[in-house]
Amino acid sequence: MVFTNVLPTGRLFASLALICAILAATLAPVTAGEVRFGKNVRVGGHDFSNQRFDSKNRARIYLYNHKPQKEGCVWRKDGHGGRVKICHLQRK
């Protein structure tokens, strides 16, 4: 009985490396980041003390050199089950 290689060893090694890379990428845990602002935290001169933002509660802060048209902060839905705090602030 004679056995022959279906794939040359170079292609076999490349395909195994590709399969391992795909498995590693799909099975790797997602890093969860969280930002906690402590005491006396200022963004553009505005107080953001004691607030916490993560993947479900995020923030978008726009700083302007002039007075913004929609001044202040508003919580909005992001469409993925979370909330976004949108702030239009004038730089102090």
PDB file of N, CA and C in Angstrom:
ATOM      1  N   MET A   1       0.842  -1.152   0.000  1.00  0.00           N
ATOM      2  CA  MET A   1       0.000   0.000   0.000  1.00  0.00           C
ATOM      3  C   MET A   1       0.903   1.236   0.000  1.00  0.00           C
ATOM      4  N   VAL A   2       0.583   2.200  -0.835  1.00  0.00           N
ATOM      5  CA  VAL A   2       1.380   3.415  -0.964  1.00  0.00           C
ATOM      6  C   VAL A   2       0.529   4.597  -0.522  1.00  0.00           C
ATOM      7  N   PHE A   3       1.064   5.393   0.411  1.00  0.00           N
ATOM      8  CA  PHE A   3       0.380   6.593   0.865  1.00  0.00           C
ATOM      9  C   PHE A   3       1.011   7.805   0.190  1.00  0.00           C
ATOM     10  N   THR A   4       0.191   8.708  -0.272  1.00  0.00           N
ATOM     11  CA  THR A   4       0.699   9.942  -0.877  1.00  0.00           C
ATOM     12  C   THR A   4       0.148  11.129  -0.116  1.00  0.00           C
ATOM     13  N   ASN A   5       0.915  12.188  -0.081  1.00  0.00           N
ATOM     14  CA  ASN A   5       0.468  13.420   0.586  1.00  0.00           C
ATOM     15  C   ASN A   5      -0.541  14.127  -0.291  1.00  0.00           C
ATOM     16  N   VAL A   6      -1.663  14.475   0.290  1.00  0.00           N
ATOM     17  CA  VAL A   6      -2.668  15.235  -0.435  1.00  0.00           C
ATOM     18  C   VAL A   6      -2.196  16.673  -0.594  1.00  0.00           C
ATOM     19  N   LEU A   7      -1.647  17.242   0.489  1.00  0.00           N
ATOM     20  CA  LEU A   7      -1.109  18.589   0.463  1.00  0.00           C
ATOM     21  C   LEU A   7       0.393  18.528   0.686  1.00  0.00           C
ATOM     22  N   PRO A   8       1.167  19.333  -0.019  1.00  0.00           N
ATOM     23  CA  PRO A   8       2.591  19.399   0.288  1.00  0.00           C
ATOM     24  C   PRO A   8       2.786  19.913   1.710  1.00  0.00           C
ATOM     25  N   THR A   9       3.922  19.588   2.321  1.00  0.00           N
ATOM     26  CA  THR A   9       4.130  19.936   3.728  1.00  0.00           C
ATOM     27  C   THR A   9       4.076  21.434   3.963  1.00  0.00           C
ATOM     28  N   GLY A  10       4.509  22.250   3.022  1.00  0.00           N
ATOM     29  CA  GLY A  10       4.457  23.701   3.186  1.00  0.00           C
ATOM     30  C   GLY A  10       3.029  24.202   3.268  1.00  0.00           C
ATOM     31  N   ARG A  11       2.162  23.698   2.415  1.00  0.00           N
ATOM     32  CA  ARG A  11       0.761  24.118   2.434  1.00  0.00           C
ATOM     33  C   ARG A  11       0.044  23.561   3.652  1.00  0.00           C
ATOM     34  N   LEU A  12       0.422  22.350   4.079  1.00  0.00           N
ATOM     35  CA  LEU A  12      -0.173  21.758   5.262  1.00  0.00           C
ATOM     36  C   LEU A  12       0.157  22.582   6.501  1.00  0.00           C
ATOM     37  N   PHE A  13       1.432  22.992   6.630  1.00  0.00           N
ATOM     38  CA  PHE A  13       1.844  23.812   7.754  1.00  0.00           C
ATOM     39  C   PHE A  13       1.131  25.163   7.729  1.00  0.00           C
ATOM     40  N   ALA A  14       1.000  25.768   6.550  1.00  0.00           N
ATOM     41  CA  ALA A  14       0.330  27.068   6.427  1.00  0.00           C
ATOM     42  C   ALA A  14      -1.148  26.956   6.799  1.00  0.00           C
ATOM     43  N   SER A  15      -1.798  25.886   6.378  1.00  0.00           N
ATOM     44  CA  SER A  15      -3.214  25.729   6.696  1.00  0.00           C
ATOM     45  C   SER A  15      -3.408  25.466   8.189  1.00  0.00           C
ATOM     46  N   LEU A  16      -2.515  24.695   8.820  1.00  0.00           N
ATOM     47  CA  LEU A  16      -2.605  24.478  10.262  1.00  0.00           C
ATOM     48  C   LEU A  16      -2.368  25.774  11.034  1.00  0.00           C
ATOM     49  N   ALA A  17      -1.416  26.573  10.573  1.00  0.00           N
ATOM     50  CA  ALA A  17      -1.148  27.854  11.226  1.00  0.00           C
ATOM     51  C   ALA A  17      -2.359  28.775  11.104  1.00  0.00           C
ATOM     52  N   LEU A  18      -3.020  28.773   9.959  1.00  0.00           N
ATOM     53  CA  LEU A  18      -4.211  29.598   9.756  1.00  0.00           C
ATOM     54  C   LEU A  18      -5.343  29.142  10.668  1.00  0.00           C
ATOM     55  N   ILE A  19      -5.538  27.842  10.788  1.00  0.00           N
ATOM     56  CA  ILE A  19      -6.597  27.310  11.659  1.00  0.00           C
ATOM     57  C   ILE A  19      -6.313  27.673  13.114  1.00  0.00           C
ATOM     58  N   CYS A  20      -5.048  27.565  13.540  1.00  0.00           N
ATOM     59  CA  CYS A  20      -4.690  27.924  14.921  1.00  0.00           C
ATOM     60  C   CYS A  20      -4.897  29.417  15.178  1.00  0.00           C
ATOM     61  N   ALA A  21      -4.571  30.247  14.205  1.00  0.00           N
ATOM     62  CA  ALA A  21      -4.755  31.688  14.371  1.00  0.00           C
ATOM     63  C   ALA A  21      -6.238  32.044  14.485  1.00  0.00           C
ATOM     64  N   ILE A  22      -7.069  31.397  13.685  1.00  0.00           N
ATOM     65  CA  ILE A  22      -8.509  31.666  13.737  1.00  0.00           C
ATOM     66  C   ILE A  22      -9.083  31.210  15.075  1.00  0.00           C
ATOM     67  N   LEU A  23      -8.677  30.028  15.549  1.00  0.00           N
ATOM     68  CA  LEU A  23      -9.164  29.548  16.844  1.00  0.00           C
ATOM     69  C   LEU A  23      -8.710  30.446  17.989  1.00  0.00           C
ATOM     70  N   ALA A  24      -7.461  30.910  17.937  1.00  0.00           N
ATOM     71  CA  ALA A  24      -6.962  31.787  18.987  1.00  0.00           C
ATOM     72  C   ALA A  24      -7.715  33.108  19.010  1.00  0.00           C
ATOM     73  N   ALA A  25      -8.039  33.635  17.840  1.00  0.00           N
ATOM     74  CA  ALA A  25      -8.754  34.910  17.774  1.00  0.00           C
ATOM     75  C   ALA A  25     -10.194  34.780  18.269  1.00  0.00           C
ATOM     76  N   THR A  26     -10.845  33.659  17.983  1.00  0.00           N
ATOM     77  CA  THR A  26     -12.240  33.511  18.388  1.00  0.00           C
ATOM     78  C   THR A  26     -12.385  33.100  19.846  1.00  0.00           C
ATOM     79  N   LEU A  27     -11.407  32.395  20.385  1.00  0.00           N
ATOM     80  CA  LEU A  27     -11.516  31.928  21.757  1.00  0.00           C
ATOM     81  C   LEU A  27     -10.871  32.860  22.768  1.00  0.00           C
ATOM     82  N   ALA A  28     -10.164  33.879  22.300  1.00  0.00           N
ATOM     83  CA  ALA A  28      -9.514  34.820  23.220  1.00  0.00           C
ATOM     84  C   ALA A  28     -10.571  35.659  23.930  1.00  0.00           C
ATOM     85  N   PRO A  29     -10.404  35.881  25.233  1.00  0.00           N
ATOM     86  CA  PRO A  29     -11.397  36.687  25.949  1.00  0.00           C
ATOM     87  C   PRO A  29     -11.335  38.149  25.511  1.00  0.00           C
ATOM     88  N   VAL A  30     -12.485  38.763  25.486  1.00  0.00           N
ATOM     89  CA  VAL A  30     -12.580  40.172  25.116  1.00  0.00           C
ATOM     90  C   VAL A  30     -12.149  40.999  26.324  1.00  0.00           C
ATOM     91  N   THR A  31     -11.271  41.944  26.091  1.00  0.00           N
ATOM     92  CA  THR A  31     -10.838  42.779  27.199  1.00  0.00           C
ATOM     93  C   THR A  31     -11.910  43.809  27.499  1.00  0.00           C
ATOM     94  N   ALA A  32     -12.301  43.858  28.733  1.00  0.00           N
ATOM     95  CA  ALA A  32     -13.331  44.801  29.160  1.00  0.00           C
ATOM     96  C   ALA A  32     -12.644  45.975  29.847  1.00  0.00           C
ATOM     97  N   GLY A  33     -12.845  47.153  29.305  1.00  0.00           N
ATOM     98  CA  GLY A  33     -12.237  48.339  29.891  1.00  0.00           C
ATOM     99  C   GLY A  33     -13.280  49.189  30.578  1.00  0.00           C
ATOM    100  N   GLU A  34     -12.849  49.828  31.628  1.00  0.00           N
ATOM    101  CA  GLU A  34     -13.744  50.706  32.359  1.00  0.00           C
ATOM    102  C   GLU A  34     -12.945  51.903  32.825  1.00  0.00           C
ATOM    103  N   VAL A  35     -13.528  53.076  32.701  1.00  0.00           N
ATOM    104  CA  VAL A  35     -12.870  54.300  33.146  1.00  0.00           C
ATOM    105  C   VAL A  35     -13.672  54.851  34.302  1.00  0.00           C
ATOM    106  N   ARG A  36     -12.988  55.056  35.421  1.00  0.00           N
ATOM    107  CA  ARG A  36     -13.636  55.647  36.593  1.00  0.00           C
ATOM    108  C   ARG A  36     -12.934  56.960  36.891  1.00  0.00           C
ATOM    109  N   PHE A  37     -13.688  58.036  36.854  1.00  0.00           N
ATOM    110  CA  PHE A  37     -13.136  59.331  37.192  1.00  0.00           C
ATOM    111  C   PHE A  37     -13.295  59.536  38.694  1.00  0.00           C
ATOM    112  N   GLY A  38     -12.231  59.929  39.354  1.00  0.00           N
ATOM    113  CA  GLY A  38     -12.261  60.161  40.800  1.00  0.00           C
ATOM    114  C   GLY A  38     -12.587  61.606  41.121  1.00  0.00           C
ATOM    115  N   LYS A  39     -11.966  62.103  42.193  1.00  0.00           N
ATOM    116  CA  LYS A  39     -12.229  63.471  42.644  1.00  0.00           C
ATOM    117  C   LYS A  39     -11.462  64.468  41.778  1.00  0.00           C
ATOM    118  N   ASN A  40     -12.050  65.620  41.588  1.00  0.00           N
ATOM    119  CA  ASN A  40     -11.420  66.761  40.907  1.00  0.00           C
ATOM    120  C   ASN A  40     -10.946  66.452  39.493  1.00  0.00           C
ATOM    121  N   VAL A  41     -11.774  65.762  38.702  1.00  0.00           N
ATOM    122  CA  VAL A  41     -11.447  65.480  37.306  1.00  0.00           C
ATOM    123  C   VAL A  41     -12.144  66.510  36.435  1.00  0.00           C
ATOM    124  N   ARG A  42     -11.373  67.149  35.579  1.00  0.00           N
ATOM    125  CA  ARG A  42     -11.924  68.176  34.695  1.00  0.00           C
ATOM    126  C   ARG A  42     -11.581  67.849  33.254  1.00  0.00           C
ATOM    127  N   VAL A  43     -12.569  68.013  32.366  1.00  0.00           N
ATOM    128  CA  VAL A  43     -12.378  67.847  30.926  1.00  0.00           C
ATOM    129  C   VAL A  43     -12.722  69.177  30.296  1.00  0.00           C
ATOM    130  N   GLY A  44     -11.721  69.837  29.745  1.00  0.00           N
ATOM    131  CA  GLY A  44     -11.945  71.140  29.140  1.00  0.00           C
ATOM    132  C   GLY A  44     -12.419  72.186  30.133  1.00  0.00           C
ATOM    133  N   GLY A  45     -12.082  72.010  31.403  1.00  0.00           N
ATOM    134  CA  GLY A  45     -12.500  72.963  32.434  1.00  0.00           C
ATOM    135  C   GLY A  45     -13.834  72.622  33.069  1.00  0.00           C
ATOM    136  N   HIS A  46     -14.503  71.546  32.637  1.00  0.00           N
ATOM    137  CA  HIS A  46     -15.799  71.146  33.182  1.00  0.00           C
ATOM    138  C   HIS A  46     -15.614  69.958  34.114  1.00  0.00           C
ATOM    139  N   ASP A  47     -16.388  69.934  35.180  1.00  0.00           N
ATOM    140  CA  ASP A  47     -16.257  68.906  36.205  1.00  0.00           C
ATOM    141  C   ASP A  47     -16.863  67.584  35.746  1.00  0.00           C
ATOM    142  N   PHE A  48     -16.048  66.514  35.720  1.00  0.00           N
ATOM    143  CA  PHE A  48     -16.516  65.167  35.401  1.00  0.00           C
ATOM    144  C   PHE A  48     -16.167  64.213  36.534  1.00  0.00           C
ATOM    145  N   SER A  49     -16.183  64.698  37.774  1.00  0.00           N
ATOM    146  CA  SER A  49     -15.811  63.889  38.930  1.00  0.00           C
ATOM    147  C   SER A  49     -16.839  62.798  39.199  1.00  0.00           C
ATOM    148  N   ASN A  50     -16.335  61.669  39.718  1.00  0.00           N
ATOM    149  CA  ASN A  50     -17.157  60.548  40.193  1.00  0.00           C
ATOM    150  C   ASN A  50     -18.125  60.032  39.131  1.00  0.00           C
ATOM    151  N   GLN A  51     -17.659  59.848  37.920  1.00  0.00           N
ATOM    152  CA  GLN A  51     -18.451  59.241  36.863  1.00  0.00           C
ATOM    153  C   GLN A  51     -17.726  57.996  36.378  1.00  0.00           C
ATOM    154  N   ARG A  52     -18.487  57.031  35.846  1.00  0.00           N
ATOM    155  CA  ARG A  52     -17.903  55.787  35.380  1.00  0.00           C
ATOM    156  C   ARG A  52     -18.428  55.492  33.976  1.00  0.00           C
ATOM    157  N   PHE A  53     -17.524  55.118  33.074  1.00  0.00           N
ATOM    158  CA  PHE A  53     -17.894  54.788  31.705  1.00  0.00           C
ATOM    159  C   PHE A  53     -17.293  53.435  31.348  1.00  0.00           C
ATOM    160  N   ASP A  54     -18.091  52.582  30.682  1.00  0.00           N
ATOM    161  CA  ASP A  54     -17.633  51.280  30.216  1.00  0.00           C
ATOM    162  C   ASP A  54     -18.286  50.996  28.878  1.00  0.00           C
ATOM    163  N   SER A  55     -18.397  49.724  28.497  1.00  0.00           N
ATOM    164  CA  SER A  55     -18.954  49.398  27.177  1.00  0.00           C
ATOM    165  C   SER A  55     -20.446  49.685  27.083  1.00  0.00           C
ATOM    166  N   LYS A  56     -21.162  49.702  28.198  1.00  0.00           N
ATOM    167  CA  LYS A  56     -22.602  49.981  28.177  1.00  0.00           C
ATOM    168  C   LYS A  56     -22.921  51.461  28.378  1.00  0.00           C
ATOM    169  N   ASN A  57     -22.129  52.147  29.149  1.00  0.00           N
ATOM    170  CA  ASN A  57     -22.312  53.587  29.380  1.00  0.00           C
ATOM    171  C   ASN A  57     -21.066  54.298  28.879  1.00  0.00           C
ATOM    172  N   ARG A  58     -21.209  54.959  27.743  1.00  0.00           N
ATOM    173  CA  ARG A  58     -20.066  55.614  27.123  1.00  0.00           C
ATOM    174  C   ARG A  58     -20.275  57.115  27.118  1.00  0.00           C
ATOM    175  N   ALA A  59     -19.227  57.845  26.734  1.00  0.00           N
ATOM    176  CA  ALA A  59     -19.314  59.303  26.681  1.00  0.00           C
ATOM    177  C   ALA A  59     -18.689  59.810  25.397  1.00  0.00           C
ATOM    178  N   ARG A  60     -19.327  60.815  24.820  1.00  0.00           N
ATOM    179  CA  ARG A  60     -18.772  61.563  23.686  1.00  0.00           C
ATOM    180  C   ARG A  60     -18.772  63.016  24.100  1.00  0.00           C
ATOM    181  N   ILE A  61     -17.586  63.589  24.224  1.00  0.00           N
ATOM    182  CA  ILE A  61     -17.462  64.961  24.712  1.00  0.00           C
ATOM    183  C   ILE A  61     -16.883  65.814  23.597  1.00  0.00           C
ATOM    184  N   TYR A  62     -17.646  66.814  23.193  1.00  0.00           N
ATOM    185  CA  TYR A  62     -17.214  67.747  22.151  1.00  0.00           C
ATOM    186  C   TYR A  62     -16.869  69.073  22.824  1.00  0.00           C
ATOM    187  N   LEU A  63     -15.638  69.537  22.617  1.00  0.00           N
ATOM    188  CA  LEU A  63     -15.201  70.814  23.190  1.00  0.00           C
ATOM    189  C   LEU A  63     -15.106  71.852  22.080  1.00  0.00           C
ATOM    190  N   TYR A  64     -15.644  73.030  22.338  1.00  0.00           N
ATOM    191  CA  TYR A  64     -15.666  74.113  21.359  1.00  0.00           C
ATOM    192  C   TYR A  64     -14.924  75.326  21.916  1.00  0.00           C
ATOM    193  N   ASN A  65     -14.298  76.081  21.033  1.00  0.00           N
ATOM    194  CA  ASN A  65     -13.682  77.346  21.433  1.00  0.00           C
ATOM    195  C   ASN A  65     -14.718  78.457  21.510  1.00  0.00           C
ATOM    196  N   HIS A  66     -15.845  78.261  20.872  1.00  0.00           N
ATOM    197  CA  HIS A  66     -16.949  79.229  20.892  1.00  0.00           C
ATOM    198  C   HIS A  66     -18.140  78.594  21.605  1.00  0.00           C
ATOM    199  N   LYS A  67     -19.216  79.336  21.785  1.00  0.00           N
ATOM    200  CA  LYS A  67     -20.397  78.795  22.451  1.00  0.00           C
ATOM    201  C   LYS A  67     -21.087  77.789  21.527  1.00  0.00           C
ATOM    202  N   PRO A  68     -21.277  76.531  21.983  1.00  0.00           N
ATOM    203  CA  PRO A  68     -21.911  75.527  21.119  1.00  0.00           C
ATOM    204  C   PRO A  68     -23.400  75.794  20.945  1.00  0.00           C
ATOM    205  N   GLN A  69     -23.928  75.303  19.839  1.00  0.00           N
ATOM    206  CA  GLN A  69     -25.349  75.512  19.546  1.00  0.00           C
ATOM    207  C   GLN A  69     -26.221  74.750  20.548  1.00  0.00           C
ATOM    208  N   LYS A  70     -25.870  73.477  20.833  1.00  0.00           N
ATOM    209  CA  LYS A  70     -26.610  72.671  21.805  1.00  0.00           C
ATOM    210  C   LYS A  70     -25.719  72.492  23.031  1.00  0.00           C
ATOM    211  N   GLU A  71     -25.765  73.421  23.938  1.00  0.00           N
ATOM    212  CA  GLU A  71     -24.873  73.382  25.094  1.00  0.00           C
ATOM    213  C   GLU A  71     -25.416  72.446  26.162  1.00  0.00           C
ATOM    214  N   GLY A  72     -24.535  71.669  26.789  1.00  0.00           N
ATOM    215  CA  GLY A  72     -24.917  70.782  27.876  1.00  0.00           C
ATOM    216  C   GLY A  72     -24.709  69.319  27.533  1.00  0.00           C
ATOM    217  N   CYS A  73     -25.176  68.436  28.432  1.00  0.00           N
ATOM    218  CA  CYS A  73     -25.013  66.988  28.288  1.00  0.00           C
ATOM    219  C   CYS A  73     -26.383  66.315  28.243  1.00  0.00           C
ATOM    220  N   VAL A  74     -26.483  65.260  27.433  1.00  0.00           N
ATOM    221  CA  VAL A  74     -27.722  64.509  27.267  1.00  0.00           C
ATOM    222  C   VAL A  74     -27.372  63.031  27.151  1.00  0.00           C
ATOM    223  N   TRP A  75     -28.156  62.161  27.819  1.00  0.00           N
ATOM    224  CA  TRP A  75     -27.998  60.710  27.647  1.00  0.00           C
ATOM    225  C   TRP A  75     -28.859  60.261  26.470  1.00  0.00           C
ATOM    226  N   ARG A  76     -28.278  59.467  25.572  1.00  0.00           N
ATOM    227  CA  ARG A  76     -28.982  58.925  24.402  1.00  0.00           C
ATOM    228  C   ARG A  76     -28.762  57.417  24.326  1.00  0.00           C
ATOM    229  N   LYS A  77     -29.658  56.698  23.671  1.00  0.00           N
ATOM    230  CA  LYS A  77     -29.466  55.274  23.400  1.00  0.00           C
ATOM    231  C   LYS A  77     -28.465  55.129  22.258  1.00  0.00           C
ATOM    232  N   ASP A  78     -27.642  54.077  22.312  1.00  0.00           N
ATOM    233  CA  ASP A  78     -26.675  53.888  21.237  1.00  0.00           C
ATOM    234  C   ASP A  78     -27.125  52.857  20.208  1.00  0.00           C
ATOM    235  N   GLY A  79     -28.285  52.202  20.424  1.00  0.00           N
ATOM    236  CA  GLY A  79     -28.782  51.234  19.456  1.00  0.00           C
ATOM    237  C   GLY A  79     -28.251  49.829  19.674  1.00  0.00           C
ATOM    238  N   HIS A  80     -27.371  49.635  20.662  1.00  0.00           N
ATOM    239  CA  HIS A  80     -26.812  48.319  20.945  1.00  0.00           C
ATOM    240  C   HIS A  80     -27.046  47.928  22.395  1.00  0.00           C
ATOM    241  N   GLY A  81     -28.047  48.481  23.037  1.00  0.00           N
ATOM    242  CA  GLY A  81     -28.362  48.149  24.418  1.00  0.00           C
ATOM    243  C   GLY A  81     -27.629  48.986  25.443  1.00  0.00           C
ATOM    244  N   GLY A  82     -26.906  49.996  25.010  1.00  0.00           N
ATOM    245  CA  GLY A  82     -26.166  50.838  25.937  1.00  0.00           C
ATOM    246  C   GLY A  82     -26.628  52.280  25.863  1.00  0.00           C
ATOM    247  N   ARG A  83     -25.922  53.135  26.586  1.00  0.00           N
ATOM    248  CA  ARG A  83     -26.236  54.557  26.590  1.00  0.00           C
ATOM    249  C   ARG A  83     -24.974  55.355  26.300  1.00  0.00           C
ATOM    250  N   VAL A  84     -25.168  56.523  25.712  1.00  0.00           N
ATOM    251  CA  VAL A  84     -24.060  57.423  25.404  1.00  0.00           C
ATOM    252  C   VAL A  84     -24.382  58.793  25.986  1.00  0.00           C
ATOM    253  N   LYS A  85     -23.442  59.329  26.743  1.00  0.00           N
ATOM    254  CA  LYS A  85     -23.593  60.681  27.266  1.00  0.00           C
ATOM    255  C   LYS A  85     -22.921  61.617  26.275  1.00  0.00           C
ATOM    256  N   ILE A  86     -23.717  62.436  25.606  1.00  0.00           N
ATOM    257  CA  ILE A  86     -23.200  63.361  24.601  1.00  0.00           C
ATOM    258  C   ILE A  86     -23.150  64.749  25.218  1.00  0.00           C
ATOM    259  N   CYS A  87     -21.936  65.315  25.243  1.00  0.00           N
ATOM    260  CA  CYS A  87     -21.737  66.625  25.857  1.00  0.00           C
ATOM    261  C   CYS A  87     -21.161  67.588  24.835  1.00  0.00           C
ATOM    262  N   HIS A  88     -21.817  68.732  24.674  1.00  0.00           N
ATOM    263  CA  HIS A  88     -21.313  69.833  23.853  1.00  0.00           C
ATOM    264  C   HIS A  88     -20.940  70.957  24.815  1.00  0.00           C
ATOM    265  N   LEU A  89     -19.642  71.156  25.018  1.00  0.00           N
ATOM    266  CA  LEU A  89     -19.178  72.081  26.042  1.00  0.00           C
ATOM    267  C   LEU A  89     -18.242  73.117  25.451  1.00  0.00           C
ATOM    268  N   GLN A  90     -18.258  74.296  26.047  1.00  0.00           N
ATOM    269  CA  GLN A  90     -17.329  75.348  25.646  1.00  0.00           C
ATOM    270  C   GLN A  90     -16.083  75.228  26.491  1.00  0.00           C
ATOM    271  N   ARG A  91     -14.941  75.274  25.855  1.00  0.00           N
ATOM    272  CA  ARG A  91     -13.662  75.180  26.549  1.00  0.00           C
ATOM    273  C   ARG A  91     -13.500  76.389  27.464  1.00  0.00           C
ATOM    274  N   LYS A  92     -13.080  76.180  28.699  1.00  0.00           N
ATOM    275  CA  LYS A  92     -12.911  77.300  29.657  1.00  0.00           C
ATOM    276  C   LYS A  92     -11.494  77.778  29.656  1.00  0.00           C
TER     277      LYS A  92
END
